[in-house]
Amino acid sequence: MPSDAAAQFNIHDAKTHLSQIIERVEHGEEIIISRAGHPVAKVIPLAGSVRRRGRGSLRGQLTLAPDWDSDAVNDSIAADFGMNA
């Protein structure tokens, strides 16, 4: 996130240059929209989203221990969350 102050646009300029503002925001910049010199809105990037290709998209990328679903492991996880098995 840049340490500089956020860029500021008046409403007319924001409407005129919306595509450019969105592009700047996509690159991590924050933009302030003002009306009559008073800030009224901030345009910020959304948190990144996970783009999965579909079911099985992590196939071959995860390694599970042989006992991953054993009663002992399940009891240990339940105990970590304060649940009595």
C-alpha atoms as a PDB file:
ATOM      1  CA  MET A   1       0.000   0.000   0.000  1.00  0.00           C
ATOM      2  CA  PRO A   2       1.498   3.336  -0.968  1.00  0.00           C
ATOM      3  CA  SER A   3       2.518   5.639   1.863  1.00  0.00           C
ATOM      4  CA  ASP A   4       1.587   8.758  -0.149  1.00  0.00           C
ATOM      5  CA  ALA A   5      -1.671  10.578   0.445  1.00  0.00           C
ATOM      6  CA  ALA A   6      -4.593   9.274  -1.569  1.00  0.00           C
ATOM      7  CA  ALA A   7      -5.287  11.003  -4.880  1.00  0.00           C
ATOM      8  CA  GLN A   8      -8.378  13.201  -4.850  1.00  0.00           C
ATOM      9  CA  PHE A   9     -10.905  13.848  -7.631  1.00  0.00           C
ATOM     10  CA  ASN A  10     -14.024  15.977  -7.701  1.00  0.00           C
ATOM     11  CA  ILE A  11     -17.216  14.218  -8.746  1.00  0.00           C
ATOM     12  CA  HIS A  12     -17.180  15.600 -12.303  1.00  0.00           C
ATOM     13  CA  ASP A  13     -13.584  14.461 -12.893  1.00  0.00           C
ATOM     14  CA  ALA A  14     -14.325  11.082 -11.295  1.00  0.00           C
ATOM     15  CA  LYS A  15     -17.222  10.509 -13.701  1.00  0.00           C
ATOM     16  CA  THR A  16     -15.115  11.624 -16.650  1.00  0.00           C
ATOM     17  CA  HIS A  17     -12.091   9.484 -15.709  1.00  0.00           C
ATOM     18  CA  LEU A  18     -13.770   6.519 -14.017  1.00  0.00           C
ATOM     19  CA  SER A  19     -11.909   3.915 -16.107  1.00  0.00           C
ATOM     20  CA  GLN A  20      -8.533   5.394 -15.218  1.00  0.00           C
ATOM     21  CA  ILE A  21      -9.487   5.663 -11.537  1.00  0.00           C
ATOM     22  CA  ILE A  22     -10.549   2.002 -11.459  1.00  0.00           C
ATOM     23  CA  GLU A  23      -7.276   0.990 -13.102  1.00  0.00           C
ATOM     24  CA  ARG A  24      -5.299   2.893 -10.474  1.00  0.00           C
ATOM     25  CA  VAL A  25      -7.333   1.261  -7.702  1.00  0.00           C
ATOM     26  CA  GLU A  26      -6.707  -2.181  -9.220  1.00  0.00           C
ATOM     27  CA  HIS A  27      -3.003  -1.457  -8.784  1.00  0.00           C
ATOM     28  CA  GLY A  28      -3.475  -0.809  -5.061  1.00  0.00           C
ATOM     29  CA  GLU A  29      -4.041   2.942  -4.978  1.00  0.00           C
ATOM     30  CA  GLU A  30      -6.765   4.580  -2.873  1.00  0.00           C
ATOM     31  CA  ILE A  31      -8.765   7.410  -4.440  1.00  0.00           C
ATOM     32  CA  ILE A  32     -10.840  10.065  -2.628  1.00  0.00           C
ATOM     33  CA  ILE A  33     -13.933  11.521  -4.334  1.00  0.00           C
ATOM     34  CA  SER A  34     -14.906  15.030  -3.218  1.00  0.00           C
ATOM     35  CA  ARG A  35     -17.958  17.253  -3.604  1.00  0.00           C
ATOM     36  CA  ALA A  36     -17.377  21.010  -3.299  1.00  0.00           C
ATOM     37  CA  GLY A  37     -13.907  20.322  -1.890  1.00  0.00           C
ATOM     38  CA  HIS A  38     -15.132  18.011   0.873  1.00  0.00           C
ATOM     39  CA  PRO A  39     -14.231  14.301   0.751  1.00  0.00           C
ATOM     40  CA  VAL A  40     -17.374  12.154   0.484  1.00  0.00           C
ATOM     41  CA  ALA A  41     -16.141   8.732  -0.673  1.00  0.00           C
ATOM     42  CA  LYS A  42     -13.037   6.576  -0.840  1.00  0.00           C
ATOM     43  CA  VAL A  43     -12.453   4.055  -3.622  1.00  0.00           C
ATOM     44  CA  ILE A  44     -10.217   1.251  -2.379  1.00  0.00           C
ATOM     45  CA  PRO A  45      -9.147  -2.100  -3.822  1.00  0.00           C
ATOM     46  CA  LEU A  46     -11.189  -5.118  -2.804  1.00  0.00           C
ATOM     47  CA  ALA A  47      -9.417  -7.906  -0.991  1.00  0.00           C
ATOM     48  CA  GLY A  48      -8.102 -10.524  -3.377  1.00  0.00           C
ATOM     49  CA  SER A  49     -10.428 -13.371  -4.121  1.00  0.00           C
ATOM     50  CA  VAL A  50      -9.570 -16.994  -4.638  1.00  0.00           C
ATOM     51  CA  ARG A  51      -9.969 -18.019  -8.244  1.00  0.00           C
ATOM     52  CA  ARG A  52     -10.474 -21.722  -8.332  1.00  0.00           C
ATOM     53  CA  ARG A  53     -10.800 -23.477 -11.636  1.00  0.00           C
ATOM     54  CA  GLY A  54     -13.403 -25.814 -10.267  1.00  0.00           C
ATOM     55  CA  ARG A  55     -13.693 -29.024  -8.415  1.00  0.00           C
ATOM     56  CA  GLY A  56     -10.372 -30.771  -7.918  1.00  0.00           C
ATOM     57  CA  SER A  57      -8.331 -27.670  -8.730  1.00  0.00           C
ATOM     58  CA  LEU A  58      -5.912 -28.445  -5.872  1.00  0.00           C
ATOM     59  CA  ARG A  59      -5.395 -32.058  -6.937  1.00  0.00           C
ATOM     60  CA  GLY A  60      -1.744 -33.010  -6.606  1.00  0.00           C
ATOM     61  CA  GLN A  61      -0.900 -29.876  -4.618  1.00  0.00           C
ATOM     62  CA  LEU A  62      -1.846 -31.117  -1.133  1.00  0.00           C
ATOM     63  CA  THR A  63      -0.264 -33.877   0.901  1.00  0.00           C
ATOM     64  CA  LEU A  64      -2.274 -35.558   3.644  1.00  0.00           C
ATOM     65  CA  ALA A  65      -0.801 -37.625   6.451  1.00  0.00           C
ATOM     66  CA  PRO A  66      -1.852 -41.281   6.326  1.00  0.00           C
ATOM     67  CA  ASP A  67      -3.783 -40.874   9.597  1.00  0.00           C
ATOM     68  CA  TRP A  68      -5.437 -37.559   8.672  1.00  0.00           C
ATOM     69  CA  ASP A  69      -8.937 -38.858   9.449  1.00  0.00           C
ATOM     70  CA  SER A  70      -8.163 -41.160  12.355  1.00  0.00           C
ATOM     71  CA  ASP A  71     -10.133 -41.055  15.598  1.00  0.00           C
ATOM     72  CA  ALA A  72      -7.035 -39.829  17.457  1.00  0.00           C
ATOM     73  CA  VAL A  73      -6.577 -36.857  15.114  1.00  0.00           C
ATOM     74  CA  ASN A  74     -10.277 -36.010  15.240  1.00  0.00           C
ATOM     75  CA  ASP A  75     -10.274 -36.191  19.060  1.00  0.00           C
ATOM     76  CA  SER A  76      -7.198 -33.948  19.175  1.00  0.00           C
ATOM     77  CA  ILE A  77      -8.846 -31.351  16.936  1.00  0.00           C
ATOM     78  CA  ALA A  78     -12.054 -31.512  19.004  1.00  0.00           C
ATOM     79  CA  ALA A  79     -10.009 -30.952  22.169  1.00  0.00           C
ATOM     80  CA  ASP A  80      -8.315 -27.916  20.564  1.00  0.00           C
ATOM     81  CA  PHE A  81     -11.766 -26.372  20.135  1.00  0.00           C
ATOM     82  CA  GLY A  82     -12.903 -27.295  23.651  1.00  0.00           C
ATOM     83  CA  MET A  83     -15.238 -30.024  22.481  1.00  0.00           C
ATOM     84  CA  ASN A  84     -15.467 -33.301  24.331  1.00  0.00           C
ATOM     85  CA  ALA A  85     -15.654 -36.287  22.034  1.00  0.00           C
END
